[in-house]
């Protein structure tokens, strides 16, 4: 299992690919192999939305189909952004790593408005090293501390 900077670089690359596939890129099949078959997600607002990799991918496919032409959410776009400086990655024995970070969520509101921050949260990912594959796969996600977007500019700091 890679350690140090190589471990961090691999997990950061996986993280970027994973969230692109589930959010802005809306292509869950492109990132399906990042998930461990026994993947599980726990969400503070949604409970246990996925108890397997297959269930997570199937759910994401349905959401992406809704955004496609003719879908009931046609044209909907959202984006996830990592909060700079918030990520830590720690080795877990010789079998994996723990990634923890904060992120924000944005929605596209059209040319006149652009991207609008709609909320944020924190996540912890357990990445398991797969020796036969020589890569990390996401085993478990804990998605917590979700909340609305803070007011901007902060109250009391508006310019007249």
C-alpha atoms as a PDB file:
ATOM      1  CA  UNK A   1       0.000   0.000   0.000  1.00  0.00           C
ATOM      2  CA  UNK A   2       1.344   3.420  -0.866  1.00  0.00           C
ATOM      3  CA  UNK A   3       2.001   5.740   2.054  1.00  0.00           C
ATOM      4  CA  UNK A   4       2.892   9.373   2.510  1.00  0.00           C
ATOM      5  CA  UNK A   5       2.534  11.713  -0.444  1.00  0.00           C
ATOM      6  CA  UNK A   6       1.710   8.929  -2.918  1.00  0.00           C
ATOM      7  CA  UNK A   7      -1.205   7.778  -0.746  1.00  0.00           C
ATOM      8  CA  UNK A   8      -2.473  11.351  -0.418  1.00  0.00           C
ATOM      9  CA  UNK A   9      -2.192  12.013  -4.162  1.00  0.00           C
ATOM     10  CA  UNK A  10      -4.077   8.836  -5.071  1.00  0.00           C
ATOM     11  CA  UNK A  11      -6.903   9.542  -2.643  1.00  0.00           C
ATOM     12  CA  UNK A  12      -7.175  13.184  -3.706  1.00  0.00           C
ATOM     13  CA  UNK A  13      -7.423  12.069  -7.349  1.00  0.00           C
ATOM     14  CA  UNK A  14     -10.060   9.461  -6.441  1.00  0.00           C
ATOM     15  CA  UNK A  15     -12.024  12.074  -4.484  1.00  0.00           C
ATOM     16  CA  UNK A  16     -12.056  14.538  -7.391  1.00  0.00           C
ATOM     17  CA  UNK A  17     -13.110  11.815  -9.852  1.00  0.00           C
ATOM     18  CA  UNK A  18     -15.761  10.447  -7.480  1.00  0.00           C
ATOM     19  CA  UNK A  19     -17.499  13.748  -6.838  1.00  0.00           C
ATOM     20  CA  UNK A  20     -17.295  14.789 -10.499  1.00  0.00           C
ATOM     21  CA  UNK A  21     -19.060  11.561 -11.467  1.00  0.00           C
ATOM     22  CA  UNK A  22     -21.824  11.972  -8.913  1.00  0.00           C
ATOM     23  CA  UNK A  23     -22.310  15.735  -9.214  1.00  0.00           C
ATOM     24  CA  UNK A  24     -21.267  17.998 -12.071  1.00  0.00           C
ATOM     25  CA  UNK A  25     -20.321  15.271 -14.552  1.00  0.00           C
ATOM     26  CA  UNK A  26     -23.376  13.177 -13.653  1.00  0.00           C
ATOM     27  CA  UNK A  27     -21.746   9.995 -14.946  1.00  0.00           C
ATOM     28  CA  UNK A  28     -21.897   7.406 -12.152  1.00  0.00           C
ATOM     29  CA  UNK A  29     -20.826   4.578 -14.472  1.00  0.00           C
ATOM     30  CA  UNK A  30     -17.510   6.371 -15.021  1.00  0.00           C
ATOM     31  CA  UNK A  31     -16.725   6.155 -11.306  1.00  0.00           C
ATOM     32  CA  UNK A  32     -18.426   2.882 -10.369  1.00  0.00           C
ATOM     33  CA  UNK A  33     -15.116   1.051 -10.110  1.00  0.00           C
ATOM     34  CA  UNK A  34     -13.951   3.478  -7.383  1.00  0.00           C
ATOM     35  CA  UNK A  35     -16.527   1.958  -5.034  1.00  0.00           C
ATOM     36  CA  UNK A  36     -15.789  -1.213  -3.109  1.00  0.00           C
ATOM     37  CA  UNK A  37     -18.507  -3.821  -3.789  1.00  0.00           C
ATOM     38  CA  UNK A  38     -19.407  -3.654  -0.067  1.00  0.00           C
ATOM     39  CA  UNK A  39     -19.614   0.149  -0.145  1.00  0.00           C
ATOM     40  CA  UNK A  40     -21.962   1.749   2.344  1.00  0.00           C
ATOM     41  CA  UNK A  41     -23.028   5.382   2.772  1.00  0.00           C
ATOM     42  CA  UNK A  42     -24.507   6.933   5.881  1.00  0.00           C
ATOM     43  CA  UNK A  43     -26.011  10.415   5.559  1.00  0.00           C
ATOM     44  CA  UNK A  44     -27.130  12.629   8.436  1.00  0.00           C
ATOM     45  CA  UNK A  45     -30.223  13.774   6.516  1.00  0.00           C
ATOM     46  CA  UNK A  46     -31.024  10.627   4.570  1.00  0.00           C
ATOM     47  CA  UNK A  47     -30.048   7.757   6.835  1.00  0.00           C
ATOM     48  CA  UNK A  48     -28.615   4.837   4.876  1.00  0.00           C
ATOM     49  CA  UNK A  49     -29.151   5.848   1.240  1.00  0.00           C
ATOM     50  CA  UNK A  50     -26.785   3.156  -0.067  1.00  0.00           C
ATOM     51  CA  UNK A  51     -25.845  -0.175   1.456  1.00  0.00           C
ATOM     52  CA  UNK A  52     -23.906  -1.402  -1.582  1.00  0.00           C
ATOM     53  CA  UNK A  53     -21.956  -0.009  -4.519  1.00  0.00           C
ATOM     54  CA  UNK A  54     -24.611  -1.286  -6.904  1.00  0.00           C
ATOM     55  CA  UNK A  55     -27.379   0.488  -4.990  1.00  0.00           C
ATOM     56  CA  UNK A  56     -25.410   3.761  -5.023  1.00  0.00           C
ATOM     57  CA  UNK A  57     -24.754   3.565  -8.758  1.00  0.00           C
ATOM     58  CA  UNK A  58     -28.372   2.654  -9.558  1.00  0.00           C
ATOM     59  CA  UNK A  59     -29.643   5.600  -7.517  1.00  0.00           C
ATOM     60  CA  UNK A  60     -27.223   8.002  -9.211  1.00  0.00           C
ATOM     61  CA  UNK A  61     -28.211   6.715 -12.659  1.00  0.00           C
ATOM     62  CA  UNK A  62     -31.849   7.554 -11.868  1.00  0.00           C
ATOM     63  CA  UNK A  63     -30.913  11.060 -10.710  1.00  0.00           C
ATOM     64  CA  UNK A  64     -28.823  11.679 -13.817  1.00  0.00           C
ATOM     65  CA  UNK A  65     -31.638  10.396 -16.058  1.00  0.00           C
ATOM     66  CA  UNK A  66     -33.939  12.979 -14.473  1.00  0.00           C
ATOM     67  CA  UNK A  67     -31.512  15.730 -15.627  1.00  0.00           C
ATOM     68  CA  UNK A  68     -31.257  14.448 -19.176  1.00  0.00           C
ATOM     69  CA  UNK A  69     -33.361  15.880 -22.020  1.00  0.00           C
ATOM     70  CA  UNK A  70     -36.974  14.906 -21.415  1.00  0.00           C
ATOM     71  CA  UNK A  71     -36.419  14.207 -17.705  1.00  0.00           C
ATOM     72  CA  UNK A  72     -38.503  15.905 -15.025  1.00  0.00           C
ATOM     73  CA  UNK A  73     -35.398  17.835 -13.871  1.00  0.00           C
ATOM     74  CA  UNK A  74     -34.060  18.505 -17.368  1.00  0.00           C
ATOM     75  CA  UNK A  75     -31.141  20.917 -17.331  1.00  0.00           C
ATOM     76  CA  UNK A  76     -30.563  20.772 -13.568  1.00  0.00           C
ATOM     77  CA  UNK A  77     -26.878  21.194 -12.709  1.00  0.00           C
ATOM     78  CA  UNK A  78     -25.118  21.014  -9.392  1.00  0.00           C
ATOM     79  CA  UNK A  79     -21.541  21.189  -8.270  1.00  0.00           C
ATOM     80  CA  UNK A  80     -19.592  20.079  -5.237  1.00  0.00           C
ATOM     81  CA  UNK A  81     -16.514  22.044  -4.215  1.00  0.00           C
ATOM     82  CA  UNK A  82     -13.935  20.946  -1.678  1.00  0.00           C
ATOM     83  CA  UNK A  83     -13.239  23.625   0.936  1.00  0.00           C
ATOM     84  CA  UNK A  84      -9.535  24.432   0.446  1.00  0.00           C
ATOM     85  CA  UNK A  85      -7.353  23.458   3.388  1.00  0.00           C
ATOM     86  CA  UNK A  86     -10.050  21.334   5.051  1.00  0.00           C
ATOM     87  CA  UNK A  87      -8.895  17.883   3.948  1.00  0.00           C
ATOM     88  CA  UNK A  88      -6.876  15.480   6.068  1.00  0.00           C
ATOM     89  CA  UNK A  89      -5.857  11.982   4.996  1.00  0.00           C
ATOM     90  CA  UNK A  90      -4.550   9.489   7.537  1.00  0.00           C
ATOM     91  CA  UNK A  91      -3.221   5.979   7.070  1.00  0.00           C
ATOM     92  CA  UNK A  92      -5.311   3.202   8.638  1.00  0.00           C
ATOM     93  CA  UNK A  93      -2.878   0.396   9.436  1.00  0.00           C
ATOM     94  CA  UNK A  94      -1.630  -1.370   6.334  1.00  0.00           C
ATOM     95  CA  UNK A  95      -5.090  -1.737   4.782  1.00  0.00           C
ATOM     96  CA  UNK A  96      -6.453   1.727   4.053  1.00  0.00           C
ATOM     97  CA  UNK A  97      -6.845   5.419   4.748  1.00  0.00           C
ATOM     98  CA  UNK A  98      -9.302   7.855   6.299  1.00  0.00           C
ATOM     99  CA  UNK A  99     -10.127  11.033   4.386  1.00  0.00           C
ATOM    100  CA  UNK A 100     -11.985  13.857   6.113  1.00  0.00           C
ATOM    101  CA  UNK A 101     -12.958  17.205   4.595  1.00  0.00           C
ATOM    102  CA  UNK A 102     -15.606  19.883   4.239  1.00  0.00           C
ATOM    103  CA  UNK A 103     -17.350  20.723   1.003  1.00  0.00           C
ATOM    104  CA  UNK A 104     -19.950  23.104  -0.350  1.00  0.00           C
ATOM    105  CA  UNK A 105     -22.748  22.517  -2.836  1.00  0.00           C
ATOM    106  CA  UNK A 106     -23.847  24.816  -5.622  1.00  0.00           C
ATOM    107  CA  UNK A 107     -26.708  24.841  -8.131  1.00  0.00           C
ATOM    108  CA  UNK A 108     -26.812  26.476 -11.542  1.00  0.00           C
ATOM    109  CA  UNK A 109     -29.555  29.118 -11.626  1.00  0.00           C
ATOM    110  CA  UNK A 110     -29.165  30.217 -15.243  1.00  0.00           C
ATOM    111  CA  UNK A 111     -27.087  32.757 -17.146  1.00  0.00           C
ATOM    112  CA  UNK A 112     -28.528  35.726 -15.277  1.00  0.00           C
ATOM    113  CA  UNK A 113     -27.663  34.367 -11.828  1.00  0.00           C
ATOM    114  CA  UNK A 114     -24.968  31.700 -12.337  1.00  0.00           C
ATOM    115  CA  UNK A 115     -23.808  29.278  -9.628  1.00  0.00           C
ATOM    116  CA  UNK A 116     -25.413  29.718  -6.189  1.00  0.00           C
ATOM    117  CA  UNK A 117     -24.105  28.085  -3.034  1.00  0.00           C
ATOM    118  CA  UNK A 118     -26.955  26.074  -1.541  1.00  0.00           C
ATOM    119  CA  UNK A 119     -25.300  24.432   1.441  1.00  0.00           C
ATOM    120  CA  UNK A 120     -22.387  22.500   2.755  1.00  0.00           C
ATOM    121  CA  UNK A 121     -21.307  19.592   4.870  1.00  0.00           C
ATOM    122  CA  UNK A 122     -18.499  17.392   6.073  1.00  0.00           C
ATOM    123  CA  UNK A 123     -17.556  13.898   5.018  1.00  0.00           C
ATOM    124  CA  UNK A 124     -15.374  11.040   6.183  1.00  0.00           C
ATOM    125  CA  UNK A 125     -14.334   8.417   3.647  1.00  0.00           C
ATOM    126  CA  UNK A 126     -12.704   5.104   4.394  1.00  0.00           C
ATOM    127  CA  UNK A 127     -10.575   4.010   1.451  1.00  0.00           C
ATOM    128  CA  UNK A 128      -9.542   0.357   1.425  1.00  0.00           C
ATOM    129  CA  UNK A 129      -6.328  -0.662  -0.292  1.00  0.00           C
ATOM    130  CA  UNK A 130      -6.970  -3.447  -2.808  1.00  0.00           C
ATOM    131  CA  UNK A 131      -3.601  -5.233  -3.126  1.00  0.00           C
ATOM    132  CA  UNK A 132      -4.598  -7.355  -6.128  1.00  0.00           C
ATOM    133  CA  UNK A 133      -5.749  -4.217  -7.975  1.00  0.00           C
ATOM    134  CA  UNK A 134      -2.998  -1.945  -6.610  1.00  0.00           C
ATOM    135  CA  UNK A 135      -5.462   0.847  -5.864  1.00  0.00           C
ATOM    136  CA  UNK A 136      -7.815   2.268  -3.250  1.00  0.00           C
ATOM    137  CA  UNK A 137     -11.579   1.746  -3.367  1.00  0.00           C
ATOM    138  CA  UNK A 138     -14.120   3.629  -1.291  1.00  0.00           C
ATOM    139  CA  UNK A 139     -15.495   1.293   1.373  1.00  0.00           C
ATOM    140  CA  UNK A 140     -17.594   3.652   3.483  1.00  0.00           C
ATOM    141  CA  UNK A 141     -18.827   7.257   3.471  1.00  0.00           C
ATOM    142  CA  UNK A 142     -20.142   9.213   6.422  1.00  0.00           C
ATOM    143  CA  UNK A 143     -21.735  12.440   5.194  1.00  0.00           C
ATOM    144  CA  UNK A 144     -22.600  14.783   8.076  1.00  0.00           C
ATOM    145  CA  UNK A 145     -23.063  18.356   9.291  1.00  0.00           C
ATOM    146  CA  UNK A 146     -25.197  19.384   6.315  1.00  0.00           C
ATOM    147  CA  UNK A 147     -26.686  22.821   6.511  1.00  0.00           C
ATOM    148  CA  UNK A 148     -27.874  25.777   4.493  1.00  0.00           C
ATOM    149  CA  UNK A 149     -25.484  28.130   2.794  1.00  0.00           C
ATOM    150  CA  UNK A 150     -24.371  30.962   5.051  1.00  0.00           C
ATOM    151  CA  UNK A 151     -25.539  34.453   4.156  1.00  0.00           C
ATOM    152  CA  UNK A 152     -23.088  36.334   1.974  1.00  0.00           C
ATOM    153  CA  UNK A 153     -21.994  38.904   2.612  1.00  0.00           C
ATOM    154  CA  UNK A 154     -22.291  38.155   6.324  1.00  0.00           C
ATOM    155  CA  UNK A 155     -25.054  40.066   8.054  1.00  0.00           C
ATOM    156  CA  UNK A 156     -23.921  43.523   9.089  1.00  0.00           C
ATOM    157  CA  UNK A 157     -21.117  43.695   6.522  1.00  0.00           C
ATOM    158  CA  UNK A 158     -23.160  44.724   3.498  1.00  0.00           C
ATOM    159  CA  UNK A 159     -22.041  47.866   1.740  1.00  0.00           C
ATOM    160  CA  UNK A 160     -24.626  50.577   1.266  1.00  0.00           C
END
